[in-house]
């Protein structure tokens, strides 16, 4: 058995003026059997980005950047 935690979701919120007011992330925790089959797949509670260990924000921003920027 193996437990794996990986990024699941990112949520950005904006206030009434259009300014960014917060970013939260979720991870998914999967339990795999010896053959790699998923036995359990559970999303974590959302937490502020600054409290998210190792969330791949840089990778995400690279994918969102327009070509040629």
C-alpha atoms as a PDB file:
ATOM      1  CA  UNK A   1       0.000   0.000   0.000  1.00  0.00           C
ATOM      2  CA  UNK A   2       1.110   3.524  -0.757  1.00  0.00           C
ATOM      3  CA  UNK A   3      -0.318   6.922   0.101  1.00  0.00           C
ATOM      4  CA  UNK A   4       0.164   9.678  -2.490  1.00  0.00           C
ATOM      5  CA  UNK A   5      -0.720  13.369  -2.109  1.00  0.00           C
ATOM      6  CA  UNK A   6      -0.943  15.525  -5.235  1.00  0.00           C
ATOM      7  CA  UNK A   7      -2.384  18.916  -6.244  1.00  0.00           C
ATOM      8  CA  UNK A   8      -6.121  18.822  -6.975  1.00  0.00           C
ATOM      9  CA  UNK A   9      -7.603  22.310  -7.254  1.00  0.00           C
ATOM     10  CA  UNK A  10      -6.757  26.018  -7.140  1.00  0.00           C
ATOM     11  CA  UNK A  11      -9.366  28.704  -6.482  1.00  0.00           C
ATOM     12  CA  UNK A  12      -8.729  32.449  -6.826  1.00  0.00           C
ATOM     13  CA  UNK A  13     -11.234  34.936  -5.403  1.00  0.00           C
ATOM     14  CA  UNK A  14     -11.628  38.589  -6.314  1.00  0.00           C
ATOM     15  CA  UNK A  15     -13.333  41.326  -4.300  1.00  0.00           C
ATOM     16  CA  UNK A  16     -15.994  43.729  -5.566  1.00  0.00           C
ATOM     17  CA  UNK A  17     -13.365  46.062  -7.000  1.00  0.00           C
ATOM     18  CA  UNK A  18     -11.778  43.296  -9.050  1.00  0.00           C
ATOM     19  CA  UNK A  19      -8.716  42.982  -6.827  1.00  0.00           C
ATOM     20  CA  UNK A  20      -7.403  39.567  -5.887  1.00  0.00           C
ATOM     21  CA  UNK A  21      -8.572  38.797  -2.362  1.00  0.00           C
ATOM     22  CA  UNK A  22      -7.379  35.242  -1.801  1.00  0.00           C
ATOM     23  CA  UNK A  23      -6.133  32.003  -3.301  1.00  0.00           C
ATOM     24  CA  UNK A  24      -6.934  28.589  -1.853  1.00  0.00           C
ATOM     25  CA  UNK A  25      -5.761  25.159  -2.914  1.00  0.00           C
ATOM     26  CA  UNK A  26      -6.746  21.564  -2.330  1.00  0.00           C
ATOM     27  CA  UNK A  27      -4.754  18.376  -2.534  1.00  0.00           C
ATOM     28  CA  UNK A  28      -6.025  14.879  -3.205  1.00  0.00           C
ATOM     29  CA  UNK A  29      -4.831  11.983  -1.094  1.00  0.00           C
ATOM     30  CA  UNK A  30      -4.884   8.625  -2.826  1.00  0.00           C
ATOM     31  CA  UNK A  31      -4.272   5.237  -1.292  1.00  0.00           C
ATOM     32  CA  UNK A  32      -2.889   2.751  -3.818  1.00  0.00           C
ATOM     33  CA  UNK A  33      -2.581  -1.004  -3.529  1.00  0.00           C
ATOM     34  CA  UNK A  34       0.605  -2.886  -4.422  1.00  0.00           C
ATOM     35  CA  UNK A  35      -0.325  -2.896  -8.127  1.00  0.00           C
ATOM     36  CA  UNK A  36      -1.002   0.859  -8.211  1.00  0.00           C
ATOM     37  CA  UNK A  37      -4.801   0.536  -8.249  1.00  0.00           C
ATOM     38  CA  UNK A  38      -6.569   3.383  -6.431  1.00  0.00           C
ATOM     39  CA  UNK A  39      -8.331   2.177  -3.288  1.00  0.00           C
ATOM     40  CA  UNK A  40      -9.272   5.617  -2.001  1.00  0.00           C
ATOM     41  CA  UNK A  41      -9.197   9.135  -3.482  1.00  0.00           C
ATOM     42  CA  UNK A  42     -10.094  11.967  -1.088  1.00  0.00           C
ATOM     43  CA  UNK A  43      -9.758  15.742  -1.592  1.00  0.00           C
ATOM     44  CA  UNK A  44      -8.343  17.693   1.347  1.00  0.00           C
ATOM     45  CA  UNK A  45     -10.025  20.724   2.871  1.00  0.00           C
ATOM     46  CA  UNK A  46      -9.091  23.958   1.075  1.00  0.00           C
ATOM     47  CA  UNK A  47      -6.214  25.933   2.577  1.00  0.00           C
ATOM     48  CA  UNK A  48      -4.657  29.317   1.746  1.00  0.00           C
ATOM     49  CA  UNK A  49      -1.951  29.084  -0.912  1.00  0.00           C
ATOM     50  CA  UNK A  50       0.676  30.412   1.491  1.00  0.00           C
ATOM     51  CA  UNK A  51      -0.007  27.431   3.777  1.00  0.00           C
ATOM     52  CA  UNK A  52       0.109  24.848   0.952  1.00  0.00           C
ATOM     53  CA  UNK A  53       3.313  22.818   1.079  1.00  0.00           C
ATOM     54  CA  UNK A  54       4.909  22.429  -2.329  1.00  0.00           C
ATOM     55  CA  UNK A  55       1.931  23.488  -4.441  1.00  0.00           C
ATOM     56  CA  UNK A  56       3.303  23.767  -8.026  1.00  0.00           C
ATOM     57  CA  UNK A  57       2.276  27.381  -8.581  1.00  0.00           C
ATOM     58  CA  UNK A  58       5.288  28.142 -10.792  1.00  0.00           C
ATOM     59  CA  UNK A  59       4.338  25.281 -13.137  1.00  0.00           C
ATOM     60  CA  UNK A  60       0.767  26.549 -13.294  1.00  0.00           C
ATOM     61  CA  UNK A  61       1.797  30.130 -14.061  1.00  0.00           C
ATOM     62  CA  UNK A  62       4.146  28.942 -16.828  1.00  0.00           C
ATOM     63  CA  UNK A  63       1.232  27.137 -18.506  1.00  0.00           C
ATOM     64  CA  UNK A  64      -1.033  30.193 -18.222  1.00  0.00           C
ATOM     65  CA  UNK A  65       1.477  32.678 -19.632  1.00  0.00           C
ATOM     66  CA  UNK A  66       0.619  33.661 -23.220  1.00  0.00           C
ATOM     67  CA  UNK A  67       2.991  32.419 -25.913  1.00  0.00           C
ATOM     68  CA  UNK A  68       5.653  35.033 -26.689  1.00  0.00           C
ATOM     69  CA  UNK A  69       5.467  36.746 -23.296  1.00  0.00           C
END
